Protein backbone atom coordinates (compact mmCIF):
# COMPACT_ATOMS: atom_id res chain seq x y z
CA MET A 1 -164.20 -75.47 -27.35
CA LEU A 2 -162.66 -72.69 -25.15
CA ASP A 3 -161.82 -70.82 -28.36
CA VAL A 4 -165.54 -71.05 -29.43
CA ALA A 5 -166.81 -70.02 -26.02
CA PHE A 6 -164.39 -67.33 -25.63
CA ASN A 7 -164.38 -65.73 -29.12
CA GLY A 8 -167.65 -67.05 -30.73
CA THR A 9 -170.21 -64.78 -29.21
CA ALA A 10 -169.61 -62.38 -32.33
CA GLY A 11 -170.57 -65.17 -34.65
CA PRO A 12 -169.52 -68.70 -35.95
CA LEU A 13 -165.90 -69.45 -36.06
CA SER A 14 -164.75 -71.45 -39.06
CA ALA A 15 -162.70 -74.66 -38.74
CA SER A 16 -159.64 -72.91 -40.48
CA ALA A 17 -159.91 -70.04 -38.01
CA LEU A 18 -159.99 -72.31 -35.02
CA ALA A 19 -157.16 -74.43 -36.44
CA GLU A 20 -155.02 -71.17 -36.94
CA HIS A 21 -155.70 -70.04 -33.38
CA GLN A 22 -154.64 -73.44 -32.00
CA GLY A 23 -151.59 -74.02 -34.34
CA LEU A 24 -153.21 -77.26 -35.80
CA GLU A 25 -153.94 -78.51 -39.22
CA THR A 26 -157.54 -78.00 -40.25
CA ARG A 27 -158.20 -81.43 -41.46
CA LYS A 28 -156.94 -82.99 -38.15
CA LEU A 29 -159.20 -80.54 -36.19
CA GLU A 30 -162.28 -81.30 -38.24
CA ALA A 31 -162.43 -84.92 -36.93
CA VAL A 32 -162.64 -83.35 -33.42
CA LEU A 33 -165.16 -80.86 -34.29
CA GLN A 34 -167.31 -83.60 -35.89
CA ARG A 35 -167.20 -85.60 -32.69
CA LEU A 36 -168.06 -82.41 -30.59
CA SER A 37 -171.05 -81.64 -33.07
CA ARG A 38 -172.33 -85.07 -32.81
CA ALA A 39 -172.34 -84.70 -28.97
CA GLY A 40 -174.29 -81.66 -29.18
CA LEU A 41 -171.62 -79.63 -27.71
CA LEU A 42 -171.12 -77.60 -30.96
CA LYS A 43 -173.63 -76.33 -33.62
CA SER A 44 -172.15 -76.43 -37.18
CA MET A 45 -173.55 -73.38 -39.36
CA ARG A 46 -173.09 -73.89 -43.04
CA GLY A 47 -172.52 -71.34 -45.65
CA PRO A 48 -169.85 -68.77 -46.52
CA SER A 49 -170.12 -67.16 -43.02
CA GLY A 50 -170.60 -70.53 -41.43
CA GLY A 51 -168.67 -72.29 -38.82
CA TYR A 52 -169.22 -73.35 -35.23
CA LEU A 53 -170.99 -71.96 -32.34
CA LEU A 54 -171.49 -73.66 -28.79
CA GLY A 55 -174.32 -76.23 -28.71
CA GLY A 56 -175.39 -74.83 -25.19
CA GLU A 57 -174.58 -72.21 -22.52
CA LYS A 58 -171.11 -71.86 -21.42
CA SER A 59 -172.03 -72.75 -17.82
CA GLY A 60 -173.83 -75.97 -18.85
CA ILE A 61 -170.85 -77.42 -20.87
CA THR A 62 -168.11 -79.21 -18.66
CA VAL A 63 -164.63 -80.19 -19.43
CA ALA A 64 -165.73 -83.78 -18.57
CA MET A 65 -168.53 -83.50 -21.45
CA ILE A 66 -165.92 -82.30 -23.71
CA THR A 67 -163.45 -84.98 -22.89
CA ARG A 68 -165.98 -87.76 -23.14
CA ALA A 69 -167.03 -86.44 -26.59
CA VAL A 70 -163.52 -86.39 -27.81
CA LEU A 71 -162.22 -89.51 -26.49
CA GLY A 72 -165.45 -91.44 -26.71
CA GLY A 73 -164.69 -93.14 -23.35
CA ASP A 74 -161.78 -95.12 -24.91
CA LEU A 75 -159.33 -96.72 -22.49
CA PRO A 76 -155.82 -97.47 -23.92
CA VAL A 77 -156.57 -101.19 -24.09
CA PRO A 78 -159.55 -103.03 -22.98
CA LEU A 79 -158.59 -104.83 -19.64
CA GLU A 80 -159.51 -108.35 -20.82
CA GLN A 81 -157.54 -108.09 -24.02
CA SER A 82 -154.14 -107.29 -22.57
CA PRO A 83 -151.65 -110.13 -22.83
CA SER A 84 -149.80 -108.99 -19.72
CA ALA A 85 -151.12 -110.14 -16.22
CA THR A 86 -149.53 -107.00 -14.78
CA MET A 87 -151.30 -104.58 -17.23
CA ARG A 88 -154.69 -106.55 -16.84
CA LYS A 89 -154.41 -106.51 -12.82
CA VAL A 90 -152.31 -103.75 -11.96
CA VAL A 91 -151.67 -100.91 -14.45
CA LEU A 92 -154.80 -100.67 -16.45
CA PRO A 93 -157.20 -100.77 -13.39
CA LEU A 94 -155.08 -97.94 -11.98
CA VAL A 95 -155.36 -95.88 -15.31
CA GLU A 96 -159.09 -96.49 -15.27
CA ARG A 97 -159.35 -95.15 -11.76
CA PHE A 98 -157.15 -92.19 -12.63
CA HIS A 99 -159.31 -91.61 -15.64
CA GLN A 100 -162.66 -91.78 -13.56
CA ASN A 101 -161.22 -89.47 -11.02
CA MET A 102 -160.15 -87.04 -13.56
CA LEU A 103 -163.51 -86.99 -15.34
CA THR A 104 -165.26 -86.43 -11.86
CA ASP A 105 -162.90 -83.48 -11.32
CA MET A 106 -163.48 -82.18 -14.86
CA ALA A 107 -167.28 -82.22 -14.28
CA GLY A 108 -166.90 -79.34 -11.91
CA VAL A 109 -165.19 -77.04 -14.52
CA SER A 110 -167.46 -75.38 -17.15
CA LEU A 111 -166.57 -73.48 -20.30
CA ALA A 112 -167.79 -70.37 -18.37
CA ASP A 113 -165.06 -71.07 -15.73
CA LEU A 114 -162.47 -71.32 -18.37
CA CYS A 115 -163.56 -68.02 -20.08
CA ARG A 116 -163.35 -66.35 -16.75
CA LEU A 117 -159.76 -67.78 -16.11
CA SER A 118 -158.87 -66.64 -19.74
CA ARG A 119 -159.92 -63.09 -18.88
CA LEU A 120 -158.02 -63.22 -15.65
CA ALA A 121 -155.04 -64.38 -17.58
CA GLY A 122 -155.41 -61.18 -19.74
CA LEU A 123 -156.33 -62.76 -22.78
CA LYS A 124 -158.31 -60.73 -25.45
CA SER A 125 -161.47 -62.01 -27.10
CA ARG A 126 -162.72 -60.95 -30.46
CA CYS A 127 -165.94 -60.39 -28.59
CA ASP A 128 -164.52 -57.77 -26.33
CA GLY A 129 -167.29 -55.08 -26.24
CA ILE A 130 -170.14 -57.51 -27.04
CA VAL A 131 -172.82 -58.00 -24.25
CA ASP A 132 -173.30 -61.80 -23.67
CA PHE A 133 -176.13 -62.66 -21.38
CA VAL A 134 -178.59 -65.26 -20.58
CA ILE A 135 -182.13 -64.86 -19.21
């Protein structure tokens, strides 16, 4: 998502280009891209110059939204299904609390924030020199 936000202003980014930028196999990344598209966070453009664009404004897409779309809200094991009383009563409730706290913190960080941090870190974008504004 950050790659699309940071480099996608110039046009759609293909799954293979995104996979190459991230050092991933395209087929593994495609499943994640599909989840993000179904959640409306990415738009898929078909055709020879197709690829992925953001589904909304950078400032309106948070890390929590991305996390929920990719993970689908899954917990490691449903609490009631764990055979271990320690897992059901201590460990998994703690994991759930950490998970909810993490999502709350992530809700305060947008793709615009991450793009700004990328610039501060000295990263170059393929969109350098292109004006990106919202009215």
